[in-house]
């Protein structure tokens, strides 16, 4: 679930949310991650690789969010120079 949220929500939130897009992504992550952890624990699949893999997925989401912000800034600068 966390990987899907990172791919689907992180970049667009960075692009479309002007005020604190990283905070918006982290709120979504903070809701999804505990639910996912409980679900994985209940299935008995919570091993030592779970935490580092999810840390990498969080870093990917943060990077995509930052990329969305940069793309928005680049587009605004390009549109501003055309006017």
Protein backbone atom coordinates (compact mmCIF):
# COMPACT_ATOMS: atom_id res chain seq x y z
CA UNK A 1 0.00 0.00 0.00
CA UNK A 2 2.81 2.37 0.86
CA UNK A 3 4.53 1.78 -2.48
CA UNK A 4 1.32 2.46 -4.36
CA UNK A 5 0.79 5.70 -2.43
CA UNK A 6 4.38 6.78 -3.12
CA UNK A 7 3.97 6.23 -6.85
CA UNK A 8 0.43 7.54 -7.24
CA UNK A 9 0.25 10.44 -4.75
CA UNK A 10 3.74 11.80 -4.01
CA UNK A 11 4.56 13.41 -7.36
CA UNK A 12 1.12 14.90 -8.02
CA UNK A 13 0.95 16.28 -4.48
CA UNK A 14 4.29 17.99 -5.06
CA UNK A 15 3.03 19.42 -8.32
CA UNK A 16 -0.50 20.50 -7.38
CA UNK A 17 -0.29 21.39 -3.68
CA UNK A 18 1.32 24.79 -3.28
CA UNK A 19 1.42 25.01 0.50
CA UNK A 20 3.48 22.29 2.21
CA UNK A 21 3.24 19.46 -0.32
CA UNK A 22 5.69 17.31 1.65
CA UNK A 23 3.51 17.60 4.73
CA UNK A 24 0.50 16.49 2.70
CA UNK A 25 2.37 13.40 1.50
CA UNK A 26 3.65 12.60 4.99
CA UNK A 27 0.13 12.77 6.39
CA UNK A 28 -1.02 10.24 3.79
CA UNK A 29 2.00 8.08 4.58
CA UNK A 30 1.34 8.33 8.34
CA UNK A 31 -2.17 7.00 7.80
CA UNK A 32 -1.19 4.17 5.45
CA UNK A 33 1.98 2.93 7.14
CA UNK A 34 0.50 1.78 10.48
CA UNK A 35 -2.37 0.02 8.73
CA UNK A 36 0.07 -1.72 6.40
CA UNK A 37 2.34 -2.69 9.31
CA UNK A 38 -0.53 -4.24 11.28
CA UNK A 39 -1.69 -6.10 8.19
CA UNK A 40 1.78 -7.46 7.44
CA UNK A 41 2.26 -8.42 11.10
CA UNK A 42 -1.06 -10.28 11.16
CA UNK A 43 0.00 -12.29 8.11
CA UNK A 44 3.25 -13.22 9.85
CA UNK A 45 5.49 -11.61 7.22
CA UNK A 46 7.09 -8.94 9.41
CA UNK A 47 10.82 -9.74 9.19
CA UNK A 48 14.06 -7.78 9.38
CA UNK A 49 13.85 -6.53 5.78
CA UNK A 50 10.47 -4.88 6.27
CA UNK A 51 11.82 -1.73 7.93
CA UNK A 52 14.70 -0.91 5.52
CA UNK A 53 12.51 -1.59 2.48
CA UNK A 54 9.83 0.76 3.78
CA UNK A 55 12.47 3.39 4.57
CA UNK A 56 13.58 3.22 0.92
CA UNK A 57 9.97 3.50 -0.24
CA UNK A 58 9.47 6.56 1.98
CA UNK A 59 12.64 8.12 0.55
CA UNK A 60 11.33 7.41 -2.96
CA UNK A 61 8.05 9.14 -2.11
CA UNK A 62 9.86 12.16 -0.72
CA UNK A 63 12.03 12.32 -3.85
CA UNK A 64 8.98 12.11 -6.11
CA UNK A 65 7.29 14.83 -4.07
CA UNK A 66 10.35 17.04 -4.45
CA UNK A 67 10.44 16.30 -8.18
CA UNK A 68 6.81 17.40 -8.46
CA UNK A 69 7.67 20.68 -6.72
CA UNK A 70 10.59 21.28 -9.06
CA UNK A 71 8.48 20.55 -12.13
CA UNK A 72 5.84 23.00 -10.92
CA UNK A 73 8.51 25.68 -10.37
CA UNK A 74 10.06 25.02 -13.79
CA UNK A 75 6.66 25.24 -15.46
CA UNK A 76 5.83 28.48 -13.65
CA UNK A 77 9.16 29.99 -14.67
CA UNK A 78 8.66 28.92 -18.29
CA UNK A 79 5.12 30.30 -18.41
CA UNK A 80 6.28 33.49 -16.73
CA UNK A 81 8.98 34.03 -19.32
CA UNK A 82 6.50 33.56 -22.15
CA UNK A 83 4.21 36.31 -20.85
